[in-house]
Amino acid sequence: MTESAKKLRDTYAIKRGAPVYMKEFGYYSLDRWISEGHITCADDLRKYNIFDEPGGFGIGNLGGCDAPFVPDFEEEILEDRGDHELVRDKAGRHVLYFKGRRNGFMPEYVDHPVKDMKTWEADCKWRMDPKSPQRLKMLEQSMKGAEAAMQKGLMITQYIVGGYMYLRSLIGPTELCLMFYDDPALIHECMKAWFEVADFVMAKYQSEIVFDEILLDEDICYNHGSLISPEMIEEFLLPYYKQLIDNVKARQRSSGRHLYVQVATDGYCPPVIPIYEKIGLEVMCPFEAASNNDVVEIGRKYPNLVISGGMDKRVIAAGKGPIDRMVDAIMPAMKERGGYIPTCDHGVPEEVAFEDFIHFRKRLLEYSR
């Protein structure tokens, strides 16, 4: 087992006082840093010795922020609107972008592919075929890397679009809230397809590898709590999650291997923690500070929860003094507690100066030993 893998596993075991594992959540700042000549790509950040070597390995092919379609919709510019363009994206949504730009800002979603059972079956359901030849080829290609990572003792994480994020990508956030009441049968049909794809893909992987973690990319919260009610989560999401997790555990080839469940959600997340604990939630990210997530307080309230994130992006952009105050307020308590991975509370925004980001990560390094 590599040293980084051991360090990450100690974090997941919530080993008090253990060296803190160093990684970052992601970046929206790379274009700025590249244009300023600091780096040529994200990998260049490693030369600053501010991160651990990867202690885990992520497997995809089950969606991220949208449905795991195979094939995707063909992307197409539908309309030129001067400074903007209306685009059909790979998930079948109509999205309003700044012309020529696809990243670094929140796009406006104008339309979504599923309106009713007819549009679901005509445009989307067939793209969720678990056994499509293209999907099988993708699985075969990604299997080799996962096998090699397992041999090194890296933690193996299956990334999967969460049920809420998946439904929202199909139907739209407002329309989905109405659909829960107006056409619950359609919601269940969509979730059955989600389950069948996820269960099939993970079973294929499990013929060769053992999972350490399932990460549900959910984004089910806003700045005051859950976007849908606990009752909706219980009815439309949890039954499919429970069955999937039970199936994965039953197929594990290494008896006694612990399977962690992680939920990733923006917004104020404490209200949903007890709900997701019903499916075995033990890890969560990214704890947006702007949504009043205090990782020290949450860590005290939920001592068995592994916490990743919580470093305020606005503070990192504010300069070295504010960065020092934030790190000093969070890290001593969280290192003593254990089970904490400090990262920006989402992708590092482009407002963050390169030298301030390096200072931020070097301050965190003080807790990595």
Protein backbone atom coordinates (compact mmCIF):
# COMPACT_ATOMS: atom_id res chain seq x y z
CA MET A 1 0.00 0.00 0.00
CA THR A 2 1.33 3.45 -0.90
CA GLU A 3 1.93 6.00 1.85
CA SER A 4 -0.77 8.26 0.36
CA ALA A 5 -3.29 5.43 0.32
CA LYS A 6 -2.55 4.70 4.01
CA LYS A 7 -2.92 8.39 4.82
CA LEU A 8 -6.28 8.56 3.05
CA ARG A 9 -7.50 5.38 4.74
CA ASP A 10 -6.51 6.80 8.14
CA THR A 11 -8.61 9.85 7.31
CA TYR A 12 -11.62 7.71 6.47
CA ALA A 13 -11.11 5.80 9.71
CA ILE A 14 -11.27 9.20 11.53
CA LYS A 15 -7.94 8.57 13.22
CA ARG A 16 -7.48 11.39 15.71
CA GLY A 17 -4.41 13.56 15.19
CA ALA A 18 -3.34 11.69 12.05
CA PRO A 19 -1.47 13.59 9.30
CA VAL A 20 -4.02 15.41 7.15
CA TYR A 21 -4.40 14.18 3.57
CA MET A 22 -3.78 16.92 1.01
CA LYS A 23 -5.79 17.28 -2.20
CA GLU A 24 -7.97 19.93 -3.85
CA PHE A 25 -11.64 19.79 -4.87
CA GLY A 26 -11.20 21.31 -8.34
CA TYR A 27 -10.49 24.51 -10.23
CA TYR A 28 -12.17 27.27 -12.20
CA SER A 29 -8.94 29.28 -11.93
CA LEU A 30 -6.67 27.34 -14.30
CA ASP A 31 -7.22 29.54 -17.37
CA ARG A 32 -6.19 32.64 -15.41
CA TRP A 33 -3.13 30.97 -13.91
CA ILE A 34 -2.09 29.60 -17.30
CA SER A 35 -2.57 32.97 -19.02
CA GLU A 36 -0.41 34.61 -16.32
CA GLY A 37 2.35 32.08 -16.96
CA HIS A 38 2.34 30.35 -13.57
CA ILE A 39 1.50 26.89 -14.93
CA THR A 40 0.75 25.21 -18.25
CA CYS A 41 -1.77 22.69 -16.86
CA ALA A 42 -3.20 21.45 -13.57
CA ASP A 43 -0.49 18.79 -13.22
CA ASP A 44 2.10 21.57 -12.91
CA LEU A 45 0.74 22.32 -9.43
CA ARG A 46 2.40 19.14 -8.19
CA LYS A 47 5.86 20.64 -8.62
CA TYR A 48 5.05 22.95 -5.68
CA ASN A 49 4.79 19.88 -3.40
CA ILE A 50 1.49 21.02 -1.92
CA PHE A 51 -0.47 17.78 -2.43
CA ASP A 52 -0.12 14.14 -1.52
CA GLU A 53 0.19 11.61 -4.29
CA PRO A 54 -3.30 10.25 -5.08
CA GLY A 55 -4.47 7.87 -2.39
CA GLY A 56 -7.59 6.90 -4.27
CA PHE A 57 -8.77 6.08 -7.77
CA GLY A 58 -12.08 7.21 -9.21
CA ILE A 59 -14.19 5.20 -11.65
CA GLY A 60 -16.80 6.94 -13.76
CA ASN A 61 -19.13 5.92 -16.58
CA LEU A 62 -22.21 6.54 -14.43
CA GLY A 63 -22.78 10.22 -15.01
CA GLY A 64 -21.60 13.18 -13.01
CA CYS A 65 -23.90 16.18 -13.07
CA ASP A 66 -26.29 14.63 -15.58
CA ALA A 67 -27.75 11.33 -16.77
CA PRO A 68 -25.39 8.50 -17.78
CA PHE A 69 -26.59 8.46 -21.38
CA VAL A 70 -24.95 6.24 -23.98
CA PRO A 71 -24.90 7.72 -26.49
CA ASP A 72 -25.10 11.33 -25.38
CA PHE A 73 -27.26 13.78 -27.25
CA GLU A 74 -25.37 15.42 -30.08
CA GLU A 75 -24.34 18.92 -29.03
CA GLU A 76 -25.71 21.61 -31.33
CA ILE A 77 -25.95 25.41 -31.40
CA LEU A 78 -29.68 25.99 -31.72
CA GLU A 79 -29.78 29.78 -31.84
CA ASP A 80 -27.40 32.74 -32.04
CA ARG A 81 -28.45 35.46 -29.58
CA GLY A 82 -25.66 37.96 -30.05
CA ASP A 83 -23.45 37.75 -26.97
CA HIS A 84 -25.07 34.42 -26.10
CA GLU A 85 -25.92 31.19 -27.86
CA LEU A 86 -28.59 28.62 -27.13
CA VAL A 87 -27.05 25.15 -27.17
CA ARG A 88 -28.39 21.64 -26.86
CA ASP A 89 -25.89 19.94 -24.57
CA LYS A 90 -24.94 16.29 -24.25
CA ALA A 91 -27.72 15.74 -21.68
CA GLY A 92 -30.37 17.03 -24.10
CA ARG A 93 -30.89 20.31 -22.24
CA HIS A 94 -31.22 23.66 -23.96
CA VAL A 95 -28.62 25.87 -22.30
CA LEU A 96 -27.88 29.57 -22.70
CA TYR A 97 -24.12 30.19 -22.69
CA PHE A 98 -21.90 33.18 -23.30
CA LYS A 99 -20.85 32.84 -26.91
CA GLY A 100 -17.82 30.57 -27.22
CA ARG A 101 -17.64 29.83 -23.48
CA ARG A 102 -18.78 26.71 -21.67
CA ASN A 103 -17.09 27.00 -18.26
CA GLY A 104 -16.38 29.47 -15.47
CA PHE A 105 -19.94 30.73 -14.96
CA MET A 106 -23.42 29.45 -14.14
CA PRO A 107 -25.28 28.81 -17.42
CA GLU A 108 -29.03 29.29 -17.79
CA TYR A 109 -30.97 26.10 -18.43
CA VAL A 110 -33.88 26.95 -20.70
CA ASP A 111 -35.39 23.52 -21.39
CA HIS A 112 -35.01 19.84 -20.44
CA PRO A 113 -35.65 16.68 -22.45
CA VAL A 114 -38.28 14.88 -20.35
CA LYS A 115 -41.77 16.39 -20.28
CA ASP A 116 -43.84 13.22 -19.91
CA MET A 117 -43.71 9.46 -20.44
CA LYS A 118 -43.72 9.91 -24.22
CA THR A 119 -40.62 12.14 -24.31
CA TRP A 120 -38.87 9.93 -21.73
CA GLU A 121 -39.36 6.83 -23.86
CA ALA A 122 -38.69 8.48 -27.22
CA ASP A 123 -35.64 10.58 -26.35
CA CYS A 124 -34.01 9.25 -23.18
CA LYS A 125 -34.94 5.76 -22.01
CA TRP A 126 -33.09 3.97 -24.82
CA ARG A 127 -29.94 5.94 -23.93
CA MET A 128 -30.06 4.25 -20.51
CA ASP A 129 -29.65 0.74 -21.89
CA PRO A 130 -27.17 -0.92 -19.48
CA LYS A 131 -25.92 -3.37 -22.10
CA SER A 132 -25.38 -1.10 -25.09
CA PRO A 133 -22.20 -2.08 -26.98
CA GLN A 134 -20.76 1.42 -26.56
CA ARG A 135 -21.26 1.29 -22.78
CA LEU A 136 -19.64 -2.14 -22.56
CA LYS A 137 -16.63 -0.85 -24.49
CA MET A 138 -16.27 2.09 -22.10
CA LEU A 139 -16.31 -0.28 -19.13
CA GLU A 140 -13.63 -2.48 -20.64
CA GLN A 141 -11.37 0.52 -21.24
CA SER A 142 -11.63 1.83 -17.68
CA MET A 143 -11.25 -1.56 -15.97
CA LYS A 144 -7.48 -1.79 -16.49
CA GLY A 145 -6.72 1.41 -14.62
CA ALA A 146 -8.93 0.36 -11.73
CA GLU A 147 -7.22 -3.02 -11.43
CA ALA A 148 -3.78 -1.40 -11.34
CA ALA A 149 -4.91 1.09 -8.68
CA MET A 150 -6.33 -1.69 -6.51
CA GLN A 151 -2.99 -3.50 -6.61
CA LYS A 152 -1.37 -0.39 -5.11
CA GLY A 153 -3.89 -0.35 -2.27
CA LEU A 154 -5.55 2.86 -3.47
CA MET A 155 -9.09 3.47 -2.33
CA ILE A 156 -11.45 2.66 -5.21
CA THR A 157 -14.37 5.08 -5.55
CA GLN A 158 -17.30 4.66 -7.92
CA TYR A 159 -18.61 8.08 -8.93
CA ILE A 160 -22.29 8.13 -9.82
CA VAL A 161 -24.82 10.86 -10.53
CA GLY A 162 -27.17 11.03 -7.57
CA GLY A 163 -30.86 10.44 -8.09
CA TYR A 164 -31.86 14.06 -7.50
CA MET A 165 -29.16 15.43 -9.81
CA TYR A 166 -30.11 12.87 -12.44
CA LEU A 167 -33.83 13.68 -12.28
CA ARG A 168 -33.10 17.40 -12.35
CA SER A 169 -30.99 16.99 -15.50
CA LEU A 170 -33.86 15.13 -17.17
CA ILE A 171 -36.79 17.28 -16.07
CA GLY A 172 -35.52 20.58 -14.65
CA PRO A 173 -35.52 21.74 -11.01
CA THR A 174 -38.88 23.53 -10.98
CA GLU A 175 -40.65 21.06 -13.24
CA LEU A 176 -39.32 18.17 -11.13
CA CYS A 177 -40.94 19.53 -7.97
CA LEU A 178 -44.28 19.55 -9.76
CA MET A 179 -43.69 16.14 -11.34
CA PHE A 180 -43.29 14.49 -7.93
CA TYR A 181 -47.00 15.25 -7.44
CA ASP A 182 -48.34 15.25 -11.01
CA ASP A 183 -46.67 12.11 -12.37
CA PRO A 184 -44.91 10.05 -9.69
CA ALA A 185 -45.05 6.99 -11.96
CA LEU A 186 -42.76 8.75 -14.43
CA ILE A 187 -40.30 9.59 -11.65
CA HIS A 188 -40.15 5.94 -10.62
CA GLU A 189 -39.66 4.85 -14.23
CA CYS A 190 -36.70 7.22 -14.51
CA MET A 191 -35.25 5.98 -11.21
CA LYS A 192 -35.66 2.33 -12.22
CA ALA A 193 -33.56 3.07 -15.30
CA TRP A 194 -30.97 4.83 -13.11
CA PHE A 195 -30.80 1.81 -10.82
CA GLU A 196 -30.53 -0.73 -13.65
CA VAL A 197 -27.64 1.09 -15.29
CA ALA A 198 -25.80 1.67 -12.00
CA ASP A 199 -26.28 -1.89 -10.79
CA PHE A 200 -25.19 -3.43 -14.10
CA VAL A 201 -22.09 -1.25 -14.46
CA MET A 202 -20.96 -1.77 -10.88
CA ALA A 203 -21.52 -5.52 -11.12
CA LYS A 204 -19.26 -5.58 -14.19
CA TYR A 205 -16.54 -3.74 -12.29
CA GLN A 206 -16.96 -5.99 -9.27
CA SER A 207 -16.09 -9.04 -11.35
CA GLU A 208 -12.50 -7.75 -11.17
CA ILE A 209 -12.23 -5.14 -8.42
CA VAL A 210 -13.45 -4.33 -4.91
CA PHE A 211 -15.03 -0.99 -4.12
CA ASP A 212 -14.11 1.11 -1.10
CA GLU A 213 -16.61 3.88 -1.72
CA ILE A 214 -19.71 4.95 -3.64
CA LEU A 215 -19.87 8.71 -4.23
CA LEU A 216 -23.30 10.12 -5.09
CA ASP A 217 -23.02 13.50 -6.82
CA GLU A 218 -26.30 14.84 -5.52
CA ASP A 219 -26.41 18.67 -5.22
CA ILE A 220 -29.70 18.46 -3.36
CA CYS A 221 -29.28 21.54 -1.12
CA TYR A 222 -29.38 25.32 -1.48
CA ASN A 223 -28.28 27.94 1.01
CA HIS A 224 -31.10 27.22 3.48
CA GLY A 225 -31.38 23.44 3.27
CA SER A 226 -32.80 20.71 1.07
CA LEU A 227 -34.33 21.55 -2.31
CA ILE A 228 -36.94 18.82 -1.85
CA SER A 229 -38.68 17.52 1.23
CA PRO A 230 -37.47 14.62 3.36
CA GLU A 231 -40.62 12.75 2.33
CA MET A 232 -39.69 13.10 -1.36
CA ILE A 233 -36.17 11.86 -0.69
CA GLU A 234 -37.56 8.90 1.24
CA GLU A 235 -40.07 7.97 -1.49
CA PHE A 236 -38.21 8.63 -4.72
CA LEU A 237 -34.50 8.23 -3.92
CA LEU A 238 -33.71 6.13 -0.86
CA PRO A 239 -35.32 2.85 -2.00
CA TYR A 240 -33.13 2.79 -5.11
CA TYR A 241 -30.03 3.79 -3.14
CA LYS A 242 -30.63 1.11 -0.51
CA GLN A 243 -31.07 -1.64 -3.09
CA LEU A 244 -28.01 -0.57 -5.06
CA ILE A 245 -25.80 -0.40 -1.96
CA ASP A 246 -27.10 -3.76 -0.69
CA ASN A 247 -26.33 -5.34 -4.08
CA VAL A 248 -22.81 -3.88 -4.15
CA LYS A 249 -22.08 -5.13 -0.63
CA ALA A 250 -23.37 -8.60 -1.49
CA ARG A 251 -21.05 -8.78 -4.54
CA GLN A 252 -17.86 -7.64 -2.78
CA ARG A 253 -15.21 -10.32 -3.31
CA SER A 254 -13.23 -9.25 -0.23
CA SER A 255 -15.22 -10.29 2.82
CA GLY A 256 -15.41 -7.69 5.54
CA ARG A 257 -14.24 -4.83 3.27
CA HIS A 258 -15.90 -1.65 4.47
CA LEU A 259 -17.93 0.24 1.86
CA TYR A 260 -18.16 3.99 2.45
CA VAL A 261 -21.03 6.06 1.08
CA GLN A 262 -20.26 9.68 0.21
CA VAL A 263 -22.73 12.38 -0.77
CA ALA A 264 -21.58 15.53 -2.56
CA THR A 265 -23.94 18.47 -2.35
CA ASP A 266 -23.64 22.22 -2.51
CA GLY A 267 -25.68 24.43 -0.19
CA TYR A 268 -26.49 24.06 3.50
CA CYS A 269 -26.33 20.31 4.02
CA PRO A 270 -26.81 19.49 7.76
CA PRO A 271 -30.59 18.98 7.37
CA VAL A 272 -30.05 16.06 4.97
CA ILE A 273 -27.27 14.32 6.91
CA PRO A 274 -29.68 12.27 9.09
CA ILE A 275 -31.70 11.31 6.01
CA TYR A 276 -28.70 9.99 4.09
CA GLU A 277 -27.39 8.23 7.18
CA LYS A 278 -30.24 5.78 6.49
CA ILE A 279 -28.30 4.51 3.45
CA GLY A 280 -24.98 4.47 5.30
CA LEU A 281 -23.67 8.02 4.73
CA GLU A 282 -20.19 8.38 6.27
CA VAL A 283 -18.46 10.94 4.01
CA MET A 284 -19.64 14.31 2.72
CA CYS A 285 -18.39 17.29 0.72
CA PRO A 286 -17.85 20.19 -0.06
CA PHE A 287 -19.50 22.18 2.81
CA GLU A 288 -19.88 25.63 1.25
CA ALA A 289 -19.02 28.30 3.78
CA ALA A 290 -21.25 30.86 2.04
CA SER A 291 -24.18 28.58 2.89
CA ASN A 292 -23.27 28.70 6.59
CA ASN A 293 -21.60 25.31 6.77
CA ASP A 294 -19.18 25.45 9.71
CA VAL A 295 -17.05 22.30 9.45
CA VAL A 296 -15.78 22.58 13.03
CA GLU A 297 -19.33 22.72 14.39
CA ILE A 298 -20.59 20.00 12.04
CA GLY A 299 -17.60 17.84 12.94
CA ARG A 300 -18.51 18.08 16.62
CA LYS A 301 -22.17 17.26 15.99
CA TYR A 302 -21.39 14.33 13.67
CA PRO A 303 -18.19 12.75 15.03
CA ASN A 304 -18.47 9.74 12.70
CA LEU A 305 -18.74 11.81 9.52
CA VAL A 306 -15.69 12.21 7.27
CA ILE A 307 -15.69 15.84 6.11
CA SER A 308 -14.05 17.16 2.94
CA GLY A 309 -14.12 20.83 1.97
CA GLY A 310 -15.23 23.78 4.07
CA MET A 311 -12.46 26.26 3.18
CA ASP A 312 -14.21 29.45 2.11
CA LYS A 313 -13.45 30.32 -1.54
CA ARG A 314 -14.14 34.00 -0.79
CA VAL A 315 -11.47 34.02 1.93
CA ILE A 316 -8.92 32.30 -0.31
CA ALA A 317 -9.54 35.09 -2.84
CA ALA A 318 -9.12 37.78 -0.16
CA GLY A 319 -5.38 37.34 0.40
CA LYS A 320 -2.84 35.97 2.82
CA GLY A 321 -4.08 37.58 6.05
CA PRO A 322 -7.65 36.30 5.77
CA ILE A 323 -6.32 32.91 4.63
CA ASP A 324 -4.13 32.63 7.73
CA ARG A 325 -7.02 33.50 10.04
CA MET A 326 -9.29 30.91 8.40
CA VAL A 327 -6.69 28.13 8.49
CA ASP A 328 -5.85 28.86 12.12
CA ALA A 329 -9.54 28.83 13.07
CA ILE A 330 -10.29 25.48 11.43
CA MET A 331 -7.27 23.24 11.19
CA PRO A 332 -6.14 22.69 14.82
CA ALA A 333 -9.57 21.42 15.88
CA MET A 334 -10.10 19.36 12.72
CA LYS A 335 -6.70 17.68 12.83
CA GLU A 336 -7.28 16.74 16.46
CA ARG A 337 -10.72 15.36 15.53
CA GLY A 338 -9.48 13.45 12.48
CA GLY A 339 -11.50 12.55 9.42
CA TYR A 340 -11.02 15.90 7.66
CA ILE A 341 -9.71 16.70 4.18
CA PRO A 342 -9.27 20.48 3.76
CA THR A 343 -10.17 21.76 0.31
CA CYS A 344 -11.80 24.83 -1.17
CA ASP A 345 -15.55 24.57 -0.67
CA HIS A 346 -15.98 24.00 -4.42
CA GLY A 347 -13.76 24.58 -7.43
CA VAL A 348 -11.16 27.29 -6.77
CA PRO A 349 -12.61 30.41 -8.47
CA GLU A 350 -10.69 32.46 -10.99
CA GLU A 351 -10.67 35.41 -8.56
CA VAL A 352 -8.03 33.57 -6.51
CA ALA A 353 -4.52 34.83 -7.24
CA PHE A 354 -1.99 32.07 -7.87
CA GLU A 355 0.38 33.20 -5.13
CA ASP A 356 -2.49 33.29 -2.62
CA PHE A 357 -3.55 29.77 -3.56
CA ILE A 358 0.00 28.48 -3.06
CA HIS A 359 0.14 30.28 0.30
CA PHE A 360 -3.18 28.67 1.27
CA ARG A 361 -2.00 25.18 0.42
CA LYS A 362 1.38 25.69 2.14
CA ARG A 363 -0.38 26.75 5.32
CA LEU A 364 -2.42 23.55 5.18
CA LEU A 365 0.79 21.55 4.73
CA GLU A 366 1.67 22.41 8.31
CA TYR A 367 -0.97 19.84 9.32
CA SER A 368 0.04 17.13 6.85
CA ARG A 369 2.66 15.51 9.06
